[in-house]
Amino acid sequence: VQLQASGGGLVQPGGSLRLSCVASGRNLGSDGMAWFRQAPGKEREYVAASRFLGGRAYTSYYSNSVKGRFTVSRDAARNTMYLQMNSLRPEDTAVYYCAARSGNLISSRVGDSEQYESWGQGTLVTVSS
């Protein structure tokens, strides 16, 4: 499967952006997906994840640093995952990567990058005035 992330850019503190991750090669409707990010000089960190519940339902998980500000969503028909980012802060500046797992997520390990086999190329988000 190939993942293509897009939607990054330059935004002022307090602003919003929506990232998209389009999958091709396989339908990921029942698979687990997630967003990670890597800031300059730092290790990659988990941001949010989406786990399939059945039918068209998903549940979301968030890191403490983005909870209440970011929202992850899925559009199974478009084979796409989104990350709506509101109230952005300078510390949110990073390259954002989407990732996918063949099969559903283990809920206790949603933030473990080793759960995910496929990764997108990343999209840069810069929060600065």
C-alpha atoms as a PDB file:
ATOM      1  CA  VAL A   1       0.000   0.000   0.000  1.00  0.00           C
ATOM      2  CA  GLN A   2       1.157   3.556  -0.727  1.00  0.00           C
ATOM      3  CA  LEU A   3       0.312   6.511   1.487  1.00  0.00           C
ATOM      4  CA  GLN A   4       0.383  10.123   0.301  1.00  0.00           C
ATOM      5  CA  ALA A   5       0.218  12.839   2.948  1.00  0.00           C
ATOM      6  CA  SER A   6      -0.572  16.436   2.069  1.00  0.00           C
ATOM      7  CA  GLY A   7      -1.948  19.657   3.495  1.00  0.00           C
ATOM      8  CA  GLY A   8       1.029  20.991   5.387  1.00  0.00           C
ATOM      9  CA  GLY A   9       2.153  24.580   5.242  1.00  0.00           C
ATOM     10  CA  LEU A  10       2.928  27.726   7.200  1.00  0.00           C
ATOM     11  CA  VAL A  11       0.328  28.895   9.711  1.00  0.00           C
ATOM     12  CA  GLN A  12       0.310  31.450  12.511  1.00  0.00           C
ATOM     13  CA  PRO A  13      -0.063  30.381  16.145  1.00  0.00           C
ATOM     14  CA  GLY A  14      -3.702  29.785  16.928  1.00  0.00           C
ATOM     15  CA  GLY A  15      -4.473  28.880  13.329  1.00  0.00           C
ATOM     16  CA  SER A  16      -5.728  25.662  11.760  1.00  0.00           C
ATOM     17  CA  LEU A  17      -4.696  23.183   9.105  1.00  0.00           C
ATOM     18  CA  ARG A  18      -6.161  19.945   7.797  1.00  0.00           C
ATOM     19  CA  LEU A  19      -3.843  17.175   6.704  1.00  0.00           C
ATOM     20  CA  SER A  20      -4.920  14.389   4.367  1.00  0.00           C
ATOM     21  CA  CYS A  21      -3.508  10.914   3.871  1.00  0.00           C
ATOM     22  CA  VAL A  22      -4.683   9.108   0.748  1.00  0.00           C
ATOM     23  CA  ALA A  23      -4.049   5.389   0.462  1.00  0.00           C
ATOM     24  CA  SER A  24      -3.676   3.461  -2.768  1.00  0.00           C
ATOM     25  CA  GLY A  25      -3.038  -0.137  -3.632  1.00  0.00           C
ATOM     26  CA  ARG A  26      -5.428  -1.575  -1.063  1.00  0.00           C
ATOM     27  CA  ASN A  27      -8.603  -0.524   0.724  1.00  0.00           C
ATOM     28  CA  LEU A  28      -7.738   0.416   4.294  1.00  0.00           C
ATOM     29  CA  GLY A  29     -11.297   0.765   5.537  1.00  0.00           C
ATOM     30  CA  SER A  30     -10.908  -1.894   8.238  1.00  0.00           C
ATOM     31  CA  ASP A  31      -7.237  -1.286   9.002  1.00  0.00           C
ATOM     32  CA  GLY A  32      -5.602   0.808  11.666  1.00  0.00           C
ATOM     33  CA  MET A  33      -4.086   4.149  10.748  1.00  0.00           C
ATOM     34  CA  ALA A  34      -2.219   6.844  12.607  1.00  0.00           C
ATOM     35  CA  TRP A  35      -0.397  10.141  12.460  1.00  0.00           C
ATOM     36  CA  PHE A  36       3.105  10.659  13.792  1.00  0.00           C
ATOM     37  CA  ARG A  37       5.337  13.703  13.662  1.00  0.00           C
ATOM     38  CA  GLN A  38       9.012  14.522  13.884  1.00  0.00           C
ATOM     39  CA  ALA A  39      10.277  17.934  14.872  1.00  0.00           C
ATOM     40  CA  PRO A  40      13.779  19.129  13.928  1.00  0.00           C
ATOM     41  CA  GLY A  41      16.350  17.458  16.117  1.00  0.00           C
ATOM     42  CA  LYS A  42      13.801  15.294  17.893  1.00  0.00           C
ATOM     43  CA  GLU A  43      12.600  11.723  17.661  1.00  0.00           C
ATOM     44  CA  ARG A  44       9.408  10.802  15.887  1.00  0.00           C
ATOM     45  CA  GLU A  45       6.391  10.929  18.192  1.00  0.00           C
ATOM     46  CA  TYR A  46       2.864   9.607  18.069  1.00  0.00           C
ATOM     47  CA  VAL A  47       0.073  12.130  17.458  1.00  0.00           C
ATOM     48  CA  ALA A  48      -3.231  10.325  16.857  1.00  0.00           C
ATOM     49  CA  ALA A  49      -4.654   7.001  15.726  1.00  0.00           C
ATOM     50  CA  SER A  50      -7.869   5.604  14.255  1.00  0.00           C
ATOM     51  CA  ARG A  51      -9.078   2.080  15.020  1.00  0.00           C
ATOM     52  CA  PHE A  52     -11.830   0.295  13.129  1.00  0.00           C
ATOM     53  CA  LEU A  53     -14.852  -0.729  15.215  1.00  0.00           C
ATOM     54  CA  GLY A  54     -16.951  -2.380  12.512  1.00  0.00           C
ATOM     55  CA  GLY A  55     -19.442  -1.186   9.924  1.00  0.00           C
ATOM     56  CA  ARG A  56     -18.440   2.385   9.238  1.00  0.00           C
ATOM     57  CA  ALA A  57     -17.415   3.188  12.793  1.00  0.00           C
ATOM     58  CA  TYR A  58     -13.988   4.160  14.046  1.00  0.00           C
ATOM     59  CA  THR A  59     -12.624   5.233  17.396  1.00  0.00           C
ATOM     60  CA  SER A  60      -9.844   7.760  17.868  1.00  0.00           C
ATOM     61  CA  TYR A  61      -6.880   8.075  20.176  1.00  0.00           C
ATOM     62  CA  TYR A  62      -4.706  11.099  20.856  1.00  0.00           C
ATOM     63  CA  SER A  63      -1.456  11.950  22.536  1.00  0.00           C
ATOM     64  CA  ASN A  64      -1.774  14.240  25.530  1.00  0.00           C
ATOM     65  CA  SER A  65       0.013  17.020  23.675  1.00  0.00           C
ATOM     66  CA  VAL A  66      -2.729  17.325  21.017  1.00  0.00           C
ATOM     67  CA  LYS A  67      -5.850  16.101  22.820  1.00  0.00           C
ATOM     68  CA  GLY A  68      -8.647  18.642  22.528  1.00  0.00           C
ATOM     69  CA  ARG A  69      -6.986  20.455  19.622  1.00  0.00           C
ATOM     70  CA  PHE A  70      -6.561  17.788  16.919  1.00  0.00           C
ATOM     71  CA  THR A  71      -9.191  15.483  15.429  1.00  0.00           C
ATOM     72  CA  VAL A  72      -8.518  12.396  13.334  1.00  0.00           C
ATOM     73  CA  SER A  73     -11.181  11.141  10.951  1.00  0.00           C
ATOM     74  CA  ARG A  74     -11.572   8.594   8.166  1.00  0.00           C
ATOM     75  CA  ASP A  75     -13.424   8.492   4.883  1.00  0.00           C
ATOM     76  CA  ALA A  76     -13.474   4.838   3.914  1.00  0.00           C
ATOM     77  CA  ALA A  77     -15.076   5.536   0.534  1.00  0.00           C
ATOM     78  CA  ARG A  78     -12.173   7.804  -0.376  1.00  0.00           C
ATOM     79  CA  ASN A  79      -9.592   5.572   1.354  1.00  0.00           C
ATOM     80  CA  THR A  80      -8.432   8.693   3.178  1.00  0.00           C
ATOM     81  CA  MET A  81      -7.555   9.730   6.713  1.00  0.00           C
ATOM     82  CA  TYR A  82      -7.588  13.332   7.891  1.00  0.00           C
ATOM     83  CA  LEU A  83      -6.046  15.262  10.744  1.00  0.00           C
ATOM     84  CA  GLN A  84      -7.810  18.500  11.613  1.00  0.00           C
ATOM     85  CA  MET A  85      -5.411  20.619  13.641  1.00  0.00           C
ATOM     86  CA  ASN A  86      -6.779  23.620  15.532  1.00  0.00           C
ATOM     87  CA  SER A  87      -5.219  26.056  18.005  1.00  0.00           C
ATOM     88  CA  LEU A  88      -1.808  25.330  16.551  1.00  0.00           C
ATOM     89  CA  ARG A  89       1.268  26.168  18.588  1.00  0.00           C
ATOM     90  CA  PRO A  90       4.900  26.698  17.582  1.00  0.00           C
ATOM     91  CA  GLU A  91       5.741  23.385  19.253  1.00  0.00           C
ATOM     92  CA  ASP A  92       3.477  21.625  16.733  1.00  0.00           C
ATOM     93  CA  THR A  93       6.022  22.445  14.029  1.00  0.00           C
ATOM     94  CA  ALA A  94       7.159  19.149  12.518  1.00  0.00           C
ATOM     95  CA  VAL A  95       7.004  16.841   9.552  1.00  0.00           C
ATOM     96  CA  TYR A  96       3.778  14.883   9.883  1.00  0.00           C
ATOM     97  CA  TYR A  97       3.649  11.281   8.699  1.00  0.00           C
ATOM     98  CA  CYS A  98       0.687   9.006   8.204  1.00  0.00           C
ATOM     99  CA  ALA A  99       1.006   5.296   8.821  1.00  0.00           C
ATOM    100  CA  ALA A 100      -1.116   2.208   8.299  1.00  0.00           C
ATOM    101  CA  ARG A 101      -1.303  -1.276   9.714  1.00  0.00           C
ATOM    102  CA  SER A 102      -2.537  -4.311   7.849  1.00  0.00           C
ATOM    103  CA  GLY A 103      -5.329  -5.302  10.194  1.00  0.00           C
ATOM    104  CA  ASN A 104      -6.785  -3.526  13.153  1.00  0.00           C
ATOM    105  CA  LEU A 105      -4.837  -1.783  15.869  1.00  0.00           C
ATOM    106  CA  ILE A 106      -4.092  -3.194  19.284  1.00  0.00           C
ATOM    107  CA  SER A 107      -5.664  -0.476  21.401  1.00  0.00           C
ATOM    108  CA  SER A 108      -2.938  -0.583  24.055  1.00  0.00           C
ATOM    109  CA  ARG A 109      -0.259  -0.048  21.413  1.00  0.00           C
ATOM    110  CA  VAL A 110      -1.727   2.652  19.137  1.00  0.00           C
ATOM    111  CA  GLY A 111       1.296   4.882  19.759  1.00  0.00           C
ATOM    112  CA  ASP A 112       3.849   2.183  18.983  1.00  0.00           C
ATOM    113  CA  SER A 113       5.345   2.915  15.565  1.00  0.00           C
ATOM    114  CA  GLU A 114       6.296  -0.738  15.178  1.00  0.00           C
ATOM    115  CA  GLN A 115       2.594  -1.594  14.769  1.00  0.00           C
ATOM    116  CA  TYR A 116       2.550   0.125  11.372  1.00  0.00           C
ATOM    117  CA  GLU A 117       4.006  -1.380   8.209  1.00  0.00           C
ATOM    118  CA  SER A 118       3.297   1.388   5.726  1.00  0.00           C
ATOM    119  CA  TRP A 119       4.382   5.016   5.962  1.00  0.00           C
ATOM    120  CA  GLY A 120       3.763   8.106   3.873  1.00  0.00           C
ATOM    121  CA  GLN A 121       6.463  10.556   2.830  1.00  0.00           C
ATOM    122  CA  GLY A 122       5.528  13.294   5.301  1.00  0.00           C
ATOM    123  CA  THR A 123       4.191  16.825   5.017  1.00  0.00           C
ATOM    124  CA  LEU A 124       5.780  19.811   6.762  1.00  0.00           C
ATOM    125  CA  VAL A 125       3.762  21.916   9.173  1.00  0.00           C
ATOM    126  CA  THR A 126       5.334  25.150  10.351  1.00  0.00           C
ATOM    127  CA  VAL A 127       3.644  27.214  13.059  1.00  0.00           C
ATOM    128  CA  SER A 128       5.205  30.637  13.271  1.00  0.00           C
ATOM    129  CA  SER A 129       4.327  34.295  13.336  1.00  0.00           C
END
